[in-house]
N, C-alpha and C. Protein backbone atom coordinates (compact mmCIF):
# COMPACT_ATOMS: atom_id res chain seq x y z
N MET A 1 -72.18 139.85 193.75
CA MET A 1 -72.31 141.28 193.87
C MET A 1 -71.56 141.76 195.10
N SER A 2 -70.90 142.90 194.98
CA SER A 2 -70.17 143.44 196.12
C SER A 2 -70.75 144.79 196.53
N VAL A 3 -70.54 145.11 197.79
CA VAL A 3 -71.10 146.31 198.39
C VAL A 3 -69.96 147.30 198.66
N PRO A 4 -70.08 148.54 198.18
CA PRO A 4 -69.03 149.53 198.47
C PRO A 4 -69.05 149.91 199.96
N MET A 5 -67.87 149.92 200.53
CA MET A 5 -67.71 150.21 201.96
C MET A 5 -66.63 151.28 202.13
N GLU A 6 -66.66 151.92 203.30
CA GLU A 6 -65.60 152.85 203.65
C GLU A 6 -65.18 152.59 205.09
N LEU A 7 -63.93 152.89 205.36
CA LEU A 7 -63.41 152.72 206.71
C LEU A 7 -64.04 153.76 207.61
N SER A 8 -64.64 153.33 208.71
CA SER A 8 -65.31 154.28 209.59
C SER A 8 -64.65 154.39 210.97
N ARG A 9 -64.10 153.30 211.48
CA ARG A 9 -63.50 153.35 212.81
C ARG A 9 -62.39 152.32 212.94
N ILE A 10 -61.45 152.63 213.82
CA ILE A 10 -60.42 151.68 214.23
C ILE A 10 -60.47 151.60 215.75
N PHE A 11 -60.54 150.39 216.27
CA PHE A 11 -60.46 150.18 217.71
C PHE A 11 -59.07 149.63 217.99
N ILE A 12 -58.23 150.44 218.60
CA ILE A 12 -56.87 150.01 218.90
C ILE A 12 -56.78 149.68 220.38
N ARG A 13 -56.43 148.43 220.65
CA ARG A 13 -56.24 147.97 222.02
C ARG A 13 -54.76 147.70 222.18
N GLU A 14 -54.08 148.61 222.79
CA GLU A 14 -52.62 148.53 222.87
C GLU A 14 -52.12 147.34 223.64
N MET A 15 -52.95 146.75 224.46
CA MET A 15 -52.54 145.59 225.26
C MET A 15 -52.87 144.27 224.56
N SER A 16 -53.29 144.34 223.31
CA SER A 16 -53.68 143.15 222.58
C SER A 16 -53.07 143.16 221.19
N ASP A 17 -52.87 141.99 220.63
CA ASP A 17 -52.35 141.87 219.28
C ASP A 17 -53.46 141.96 218.23
N MET A 18 -54.71 141.86 218.68
CA MET A 18 -55.84 141.86 217.76
C MET A 18 -56.60 143.18 217.87
N GLN A 19 -56.66 143.90 216.76
CA GLN A 19 -57.36 145.17 216.69
C GLN A 19 -58.60 144.97 215.83
N ILE A 20 -59.52 145.91 215.90
CA ILE A 20 -60.74 145.79 215.10
C ILE A 20 -60.92 147.06 214.28
N ILE A 21 -61.21 146.87 213.00
CA ILE A 21 -61.61 148.00 212.18
C ILE A 21 -63.06 147.78 211.79
N GLU A 22 -63.72 148.86 211.53
CA GLU A 22 -65.12 148.78 211.13
C GLU A 22 -65.29 149.50 209.80
N LEU A 23 -65.84 148.79 208.85
CA LEU A 23 -66.20 149.38 207.57
C LEU A 23 -67.69 149.68 207.60
N SER A 24 -68.11 150.76 206.95
CA SER A 24 -69.52 151.12 206.87
C SER A 24 -69.95 151.12 205.42
N GLU A 25 -71.15 150.65 205.20
CA GLU A 25 -71.72 150.61 203.85
C GLU A 25 -71.93 152.04 203.34
N ILE A 26 -71.42 152.32 202.16
CA ILE A 26 -71.64 153.63 201.55
C ILE A 26 -73.08 153.68 201.06
N GLY A 27 -73.82 154.66 201.53
CA GLY A 27 -75.22 154.80 201.14
C GLY A 27 -76.15 153.83 201.84
N GLY A 28 -75.68 153.19 202.89
CA GLY A 28 -76.49 152.23 203.63
C GLY A 28 -76.19 152.29 205.11
N GLU A 29 -76.72 151.34 205.84
CA GLU A 29 -76.58 151.36 207.29
C GLU A 29 -75.75 150.21 207.85
N ARG A 30 -75.40 149.24 207.01
CA ARG A 30 -74.68 148.08 207.54
C ARG A 30 -73.22 148.41 207.84
N THR A 31 -72.70 147.73 208.85
CA THR A 31 -71.29 147.85 209.20
C THR A 31 -70.65 146.47 209.13
N PHE A 32 -69.35 146.48 209.04
CA PHE A 32 -68.59 145.25 208.85
C PHE A 32 -67.36 145.30 209.75
N PRO A 33 -67.34 144.54 210.85
CA PRO A 33 -66.15 144.52 211.72
C PRO A 33 -65.18 143.45 211.26
N ILE A 34 -63.91 143.74 211.37
CA ILE A 34 -62.90 142.73 211.03
C ILE A 34 -61.71 142.90 211.96
N VAL A 35 -61.19 141.79 212.44
CA VAL A 35 -60.02 141.79 213.32
C VAL A 35 -58.77 141.89 212.47
N ILE A 36 -57.87 142.80 212.87
CA ILE A 36 -56.59 142.95 212.17
C ILE A 36 -55.48 142.99 213.21
N GLY A 37 -54.26 142.92 212.76
CA GLY A 37 -53.11 142.98 213.65
C GLY A 37 -52.76 144.41 214.03
N LEU A 38 -51.97 144.55 215.06
CA LEU A 38 -51.57 145.86 215.56
C LEU A 38 -50.77 146.65 214.51
N ASN A 39 -49.86 145.98 213.80
CA ASN A 39 -49.07 146.67 212.77
C ASN A 39 -49.95 147.25 211.68
N GLU A 40 -50.93 146.47 211.22
CA GLU A 40 -51.83 146.96 210.18
C GLU A 40 -52.68 148.11 210.69
N ALA A 41 -53.15 148.00 211.95
CA ALA A 41 -53.96 149.08 212.54
C ALA A 41 -53.15 150.37 212.61
N PHE A 42 -51.91 150.28 213.06
CA PHE A 42 -51.08 151.49 213.14
C PHE A 42 -50.75 152.03 211.75
N ALA A 43 -50.54 151.15 210.77
CA ALA A 43 -50.27 151.60 209.41
C ALA A 43 -51.46 152.37 208.85
N ILE A 44 -52.66 151.85 209.08
CA ILE A 44 -53.87 152.52 208.61
C ILE A 44 -54.03 153.86 209.34
N GLU A 45 -53.84 153.84 210.65
CA GLU A 45 -53.98 155.07 211.44
C GLU A 45 -52.99 156.15 210.96
N ARG A 46 -51.73 155.78 210.77
CA ARG A 46 -50.73 156.74 210.31
C ARG A 46 -51.10 157.33 208.96
N ARG A 47 -51.57 156.48 208.06
CA ARG A 47 -51.94 156.95 206.73
C ARG A 47 -53.09 157.93 206.80
N LEU A 48 -54.09 157.61 207.60
CA LEU A 48 -55.26 158.48 207.71
C LEU A 48 -54.91 159.83 208.36
N LYS A 49 -53.96 159.81 209.26
CA LYS A 49 -53.55 161.05 209.92
C LYS A 49 -52.48 161.80 209.14
N GLY A 50 -51.99 161.21 208.04
CA GLY A 50 -50.98 161.87 207.24
C GLY A 50 -49.60 161.86 207.85
N VAL A 51 -49.34 160.91 208.75
CA VAL A 51 -48.04 160.80 209.41
C VAL A 51 -47.07 160.10 208.47
N GLU A 52 -45.97 160.79 208.17
CA GLU A 52 -44.94 160.21 207.30
C GLU A 52 -43.99 159.36 208.14
N ILE A 53 -43.55 158.26 207.57
CA ILE A 53 -42.53 157.44 208.24
C ILE A 53 -41.29 157.41 207.35
N ARG A 54 -40.15 157.18 207.96
CA ARG A 54 -38.88 157.27 207.23
C ARG A 54 -38.66 156.12 206.25
N ARG A 55 -39.10 154.94 206.59
CA ARG A 55 -38.87 153.77 205.74
C ARG A 55 -40.21 153.21 205.28
N PRO A 56 -40.29 152.71 204.05
CA PRO A 56 -41.57 152.17 203.58
C PRO A 56 -41.95 150.90 204.33
N GLN A 57 -43.26 150.78 204.57
CA GLN A 57 -43.78 149.56 205.17
C GLN A 57 -44.15 148.59 204.05
N THR A 58 -44.56 147.40 204.44
CA THR A 58 -44.91 146.38 203.46
C THR A 58 -45.97 146.88 202.48
N HIS A 59 -46.94 147.63 202.97
CA HIS A 59 -48.01 148.13 202.11
C HIS A 59 -47.48 149.13 201.09
N ASP A 60 -46.51 149.96 201.52
CA ASP A 60 -45.88 150.90 200.61
C ASP A 60 -45.04 150.16 199.56
N LEU A 61 -44.35 149.13 200.00
CA LEU A 61 -43.56 148.31 199.09
C LEU A 61 -44.44 147.68 198.01
N LEU A 62 -45.55 147.09 198.43
CA LEU A 62 -46.44 146.44 197.47
C LEU A 62 -47.01 147.46 196.48
N ALA A 63 -47.40 148.62 196.96
CA ALA A 63 -47.92 149.66 196.07
C ALA A 63 -46.85 150.07 195.06
N SER A 64 -45.62 150.20 195.53
CA SER A 64 -44.52 150.57 194.64
C SER A 64 -44.26 149.48 193.59
N VAL A 65 -44.29 148.23 194.00
CA VAL A 65 -44.09 147.13 193.06
C VAL A 65 -45.18 147.13 191.99
N ILE A 66 -46.42 147.30 192.40
CA ILE A 66 -47.52 147.33 191.44
C ILE A 66 -47.30 148.45 190.42
N ARG A 67 -46.95 149.64 190.90
CA ARG A 67 -46.71 150.80 190.00
C ARG A 67 -45.53 150.54 189.08
N HIS A 68 -44.42 150.02 189.63
CA HIS A 68 -43.22 149.79 188.82
C HIS A 68 -43.41 148.69 187.78
N LEU A 69 -44.38 147.84 187.99
CA LEU A 69 -44.70 146.82 187.00
C LEU A 69 -45.81 147.29 186.06
N ASP A 70 -46.05 148.61 186.06
CA ASP A 70 -47.07 149.25 185.22
C ASP A 70 -48.47 148.75 185.49
N GLY A 71 -48.74 148.42 186.72
CA GLY A 71 -50.09 148.04 187.11
C GLY A 71 -50.75 149.17 187.88
N GLU A 72 -52.05 149.04 188.06
CA GLU A 72 -52.80 150.02 188.84
C GLU A 72 -53.77 149.28 189.75
N LEU A 73 -53.66 149.53 191.04
CA LEU A 73 -54.59 148.93 191.98
C LEU A 73 -55.94 149.61 191.82
N LYS A 74 -56.95 148.83 191.46
CA LYS A 74 -58.27 149.39 191.16
C LYS A 74 -59.24 149.30 192.33
N GLU A 75 -59.18 148.19 193.07
CA GLU A 75 -60.08 148.03 194.21
C GLU A 75 -59.64 146.86 195.08
N ILE A 76 -60.21 146.85 196.27
CA ILE A 76 -60.03 145.78 197.25
C ILE A 76 -61.39 145.11 197.41
N ILE A 77 -61.42 143.78 197.39
CA ILE A 77 -62.67 143.06 197.61
C ILE A 77 -62.46 142.03 198.71
N ILE A 78 -63.24 142.13 199.76
CA ILE A 78 -63.29 141.06 200.76
C ILE A 78 -64.33 140.11 200.23
N ASN A 79 -63.87 138.98 199.72
CA ASN A 79 -64.71 138.14 198.88
C ASN A 79 -65.24 136.86 199.51
N ASP A 80 -64.74 136.50 200.69
CA ASP A 80 -65.25 135.25 201.26
C ASP A 80 -65.02 135.21 202.76
N LEU A 81 -65.78 134.35 203.41
CA LEU A 81 -65.67 134.07 204.83
C LEU A 81 -65.89 132.58 205.00
N VAL A 82 -64.82 131.89 205.43
CA VAL A 82 -64.88 130.43 205.59
C VAL A 82 -64.35 130.08 206.97
N ASP A 83 -65.16 129.39 207.75
CA ASP A 83 -64.76 128.96 209.10
C ASP A 83 -64.18 130.10 209.92
N GLY A 84 -64.80 131.28 209.85
CA GLY A 84 -64.36 132.42 210.64
C GLY A 84 -63.17 133.17 210.08
N THR A 85 -62.68 132.78 208.91
CA THR A 85 -61.54 133.45 208.29
C THR A 85 -62.00 134.21 207.05
N PHE A 86 -61.66 135.50 207.01
CA PHE A 86 -62.00 136.33 205.85
C PHE A 86 -60.93 136.18 204.78
N TYR A 87 -61.34 136.33 203.53
CA TYR A 87 -60.44 136.29 202.38
C TYR A 87 -60.66 137.54 201.56
N ALA A 88 -59.57 138.02 200.94
CA ALA A 88 -59.67 139.25 200.14
C ALA A 88 -58.89 139.10 198.85
N ARG A 89 -59.17 140.01 197.94
CA ARG A 89 -58.48 140.07 196.65
C ARG A 89 -58.08 141.51 196.37
N LEU A 90 -56.88 141.68 195.84
CA LEU A 90 -56.45 142.95 195.28
C LEU A 90 -56.79 142.89 193.80
N ILE A 91 -57.50 143.86 193.30
CA ILE A 91 -57.84 143.90 191.88
C ILE A 91 -56.89 144.90 191.22
N VAL A 92 -56.01 144.37 190.38
CA VAL A 92 -54.98 145.17 189.72
C VAL A 92 -55.24 145.12 188.22
N GLU A 93 -55.11 146.27 187.58
CA GLU A 93 -55.24 146.33 186.12
C GLU A 93 -53.86 146.60 185.53
N LYS A 94 -53.51 145.79 184.52
CA LYS A 94 -52.24 145.96 183.82
C LYS A 94 -52.45 145.67 182.35
N ASP A 95 -52.12 146.62 181.52
CA ASP A 95 -52.26 146.46 180.06
C ASP A 95 -53.67 146.03 179.67
N GLY A 96 -54.66 146.59 180.32
CA GLY A 96 -56.06 146.29 180.00
C GLY A 96 -56.56 144.96 180.56
N LYS A 97 -55.72 144.22 181.25
CA LYS A 97 -56.12 142.95 181.84
C LYS A 97 -56.32 143.13 183.34
N VAL A 98 -57.29 142.42 183.89
CA VAL A 98 -57.55 142.46 185.33
C VAL A 98 -56.86 141.26 185.97
N ILE A 99 -56.08 141.55 186.99
CA ILE A 99 -55.36 140.53 187.73
C ILE A 99 -55.90 140.53 189.16
N GLU A 100 -56.32 139.37 189.65
CA GLU A 100 -56.80 139.25 191.03
C GLU A 100 -55.72 138.57 191.86
N ILE A 101 -55.33 139.22 192.94
CA ILE A 101 -54.26 138.73 193.79
C ILE A 101 -54.82 138.43 195.17
N ASP A 102 -54.60 137.20 195.64
CA ASP A 102 -55.07 136.79 196.97
C ASP A 102 -54.34 137.60 198.04
N SER A 103 -55.07 138.00 199.07
CA SER A 103 -54.49 138.82 200.13
C SER A 103 -55.21 138.59 201.44
N ARG A 104 -54.50 138.82 202.53
CA ARG A 104 -55.19 138.90 203.81
C ARG A 104 -56.00 140.19 203.81
N PRO A 105 -57.21 140.19 204.33
CA PRO A 105 -58.00 141.42 204.33
C PRO A 105 -57.31 142.58 205.03
N SER A 106 -56.62 142.34 206.13
CA SER A 106 -55.95 143.43 206.84
C SER A 106 -54.90 144.10 205.96
N ASP A 107 -54.11 143.31 205.24
CA ASP A 107 -53.11 143.87 204.33
C ASP A 107 -53.79 144.60 203.17
N ALA A 108 -54.85 144.00 202.65
CA ALA A 108 -55.57 144.61 201.53
C ALA A 108 -56.16 145.96 201.93
N ILE A 109 -56.77 146.02 203.11
CA ILE A 109 -57.38 147.27 203.57
C ILE A 109 -56.31 148.32 203.82
N ALA A 110 -55.20 147.93 204.44
CA ALA A 110 -54.10 148.88 204.67
C ALA A 110 -53.59 149.43 203.35
N LEU A 111 -53.43 148.57 202.36
CA LEU A 111 -52.99 149.00 201.03
C LEU A 111 -54.05 149.87 200.37
N GLY A 112 -55.32 149.48 200.49
CA GLY A 112 -56.40 150.26 199.90
C GLY A 112 -56.49 151.65 200.48
N VAL A 113 -56.31 151.76 201.80
CA VAL A 113 -56.33 153.08 202.45
C VAL A 113 -55.13 153.90 201.98
N ALA A 114 -53.96 153.26 201.92
CA ALA A 114 -52.74 153.96 201.49
C ALA A 114 -52.86 154.47 200.06
N GLU A 115 -53.51 153.71 199.20
CA GLU A 115 -53.61 154.06 197.79
C GLU A 115 -54.94 154.73 197.44
N ASP A 116 -55.80 154.92 198.43
CA ASP A 116 -57.10 155.57 198.25
C ASP A 116 -57.92 154.91 197.13
N VAL A 117 -58.07 153.58 197.24
CA VAL A 117 -58.88 152.84 196.27
C VAL A 117 -60.13 152.31 196.96
N PRO A 118 -61.18 152.05 196.20
CA PRO A 118 -62.43 151.56 196.79
C PRO A 118 -62.26 150.20 197.47
N ILE A 119 -63.01 150.04 198.55
CA ILE A 119 -63.06 148.77 199.27
C ILE A 119 -64.47 148.24 199.14
N HIS A 120 -64.59 146.97 198.73
CA HIS A 120 -65.89 146.32 198.58
C HIS A 120 -65.92 145.05 199.42
N VAL A 121 -67.12 144.69 199.85
CA VAL A 121 -67.33 143.43 200.56
C VAL A 121 -68.41 142.66 199.81
N ALA A 122 -68.14 141.39 199.53
CA ALA A 122 -69.14 140.56 198.84
C ALA A 122 -70.42 140.53 199.66
N GLU A 123 -71.54 140.59 198.99
CA GLU A 123 -72.85 140.63 199.66
C GLU A 123 -73.03 139.45 200.60
N HIS A 124 -72.63 138.25 200.18
CA HIS A 124 -72.83 137.09 201.04
C HIS A 124 -71.96 137.15 202.31
N VAL A 125 -70.79 137.78 202.22
CA VAL A 125 -69.93 137.96 203.39
C VAL A 125 -70.54 138.98 204.33
N LEU A 126 -71.00 140.09 203.77
CA LEU A 126 -71.62 141.12 204.59
C LEU A 126 -72.88 140.59 205.27
N ALA A 127 -73.69 139.84 204.55
CA ALA A 127 -74.91 139.26 205.12
C ALA A 127 -74.56 138.32 206.27
N GLN A 128 -73.52 137.53 206.11
CA GLN A 128 -73.13 136.58 207.16
C GLN A 128 -72.64 137.30 208.41
N THR A 129 -71.93 138.41 208.25
CA THR A 129 -71.44 139.14 209.42
C THR A 129 -72.57 139.85 210.16
N GLN A 130 -73.66 140.11 209.47
CA GLN A 130 -74.80 140.78 210.12
C GLN A 130 -75.58 139.82 211.00
N THR A 131 -75.42 138.52 210.78
CA THR A 131 -76.18 137.53 211.53
C THR A 131 -75.32 136.63 212.40
N ASP A 132 -74.01 136.70 212.24
CA ASP A 132 -73.11 135.78 212.94
C ASP A 132 -72.61 136.42 214.23
N ASP A 133 -73.31 136.14 215.35
CA ASP A 133 -72.96 136.71 216.64
C ASP A 133 -71.63 136.18 217.17
N ASP A 134 -71.18 135.04 216.67
CA ASP A 134 -69.95 134.44 217.17
C ASP A 134 -68.71 134.92 216.42
N LEU A 135 -68.89 135.78 215.42
CA LEU A 135 -67.79 136.17 214.56
C LEU A 135 -66.63 136.76 215.35
N LEU A 136 -66.91 137.62 216.31
CA LEU A 136 -65.86 138.23 217.11
C LEU A 136 -65.94 137.76 218.55
N GLU A 137 -66.44 136.56 218.76
CA GLU A 137 -66.60 136.03 220.11
C GLU A 137 -65.27 136.09 220.85
N GLY A 138 -65.33 136.55 222.07
CA GLY A 138 -64.11 136.67 222.86
C GLY A 138 -63.37 137.96 222.61
N ASP A 139 -63.84 138.77 221.67
CA ASP A 139 -63.17 140.03 221.34
C ASP A 139 -64.06 141.22 221.65
N GLU A 140 -64.90 141.09 222.69
CA GLU A 140 -65.74 142.21 223.05
C GLU A 140 -64.86 143.39 223.41
N LEU A 141 -65.30 144.57 223.06
CA LEU A 141 -64.51 145.76 223.34
C LEU A 141 -64.77 146.25 224.75
N ASP A 142 -63.73 146.55 225.47
CA ASP A 142 -63.82 147.11 226.81
C ASP A 142 -63.38 148.56 226.71
N ASP A 143 -64.31 149.48 226.94
CA ASP A 143 -64.03 150.90 226.76
C ASP A 143 -62.87 151.39 227.61
N ASP A 144 -62.54 150.70 228.68
CA ASP A 144 -61.45 151.14 229.53
C ASP A 144 -60.08 150.91 228.90
N GLU A 145 -59.98 150.00 227.96
CA GLU A 145 -58.66 149.70 227.39
C GLU A 145 -58.59 149.90 225.89
N ASP A 146 -59.61 150.45 225.28
CA ASP A 146 -59.63 150.64 223.83
C ASP A 146 -59.40 152.09 223.46
N PHE A 147 -58.79 152.28 222.32
CA PHE A 147 -58.61 153.59 221.75
C PHE A 147 -59.41 153.59 220.46
N ASP A 148 -60.45 154.38 220.38
CA ASP A 148 -61.39 154.35 219.26
C ASP A 148 -61.16 155.59 218.41
N LEU A 149 -60.77 155.38 217.17
CA LEU A 149 -60.58 156.49 216.23
C LEU A 149 -61.77 156.55 215.30
N GLU A 150 -62.34 157.72 215.12
CA GLU A 150 -63.42 157.91 214.16
C GLU A 150 -63.10 159.13 213.31
N TRP A 151 -63.54 159.13 212.09
CA TRP A 151 -63.38 160.27 211.20
C TRP A 151 -64.48 160.26 210.18
N ASP A 152 -64.60 161.36 209.45
CA ASP A 152 -65.60 161.46 208.38
C ASP A 152 -64.95 161.42 207.05
């Protein structure tokens, strides 16, 4: 079973290569933090702010490829957590068939935000992040160097 989530915050630390996004449970109280790269964080931020860029990024390219192959991105699922590494799937529908494509969660979320498709997290992954204090060990946020974006 998967839990519907929405992007609630991005923590951008310009002096670090590792950024954090936070997903919030739709209709619930749980949150889900995940570390992503700076490029993915900026891609998500630009998309949310409606900032146009001159050349397509990787996420735009993938969305275009899916469309040109007559597919439709239906949802993003963060489906597993193994040894501190998250795994995700792009769920694409083509000719009535469902195709699951392995993806890094950061790329999947950036694509999901760009294409405005639902993001889900597997219940067992969400449950593990609620109890795993070591998940982001060493990545505590320091308010002096973080840029926190929030929106509704």
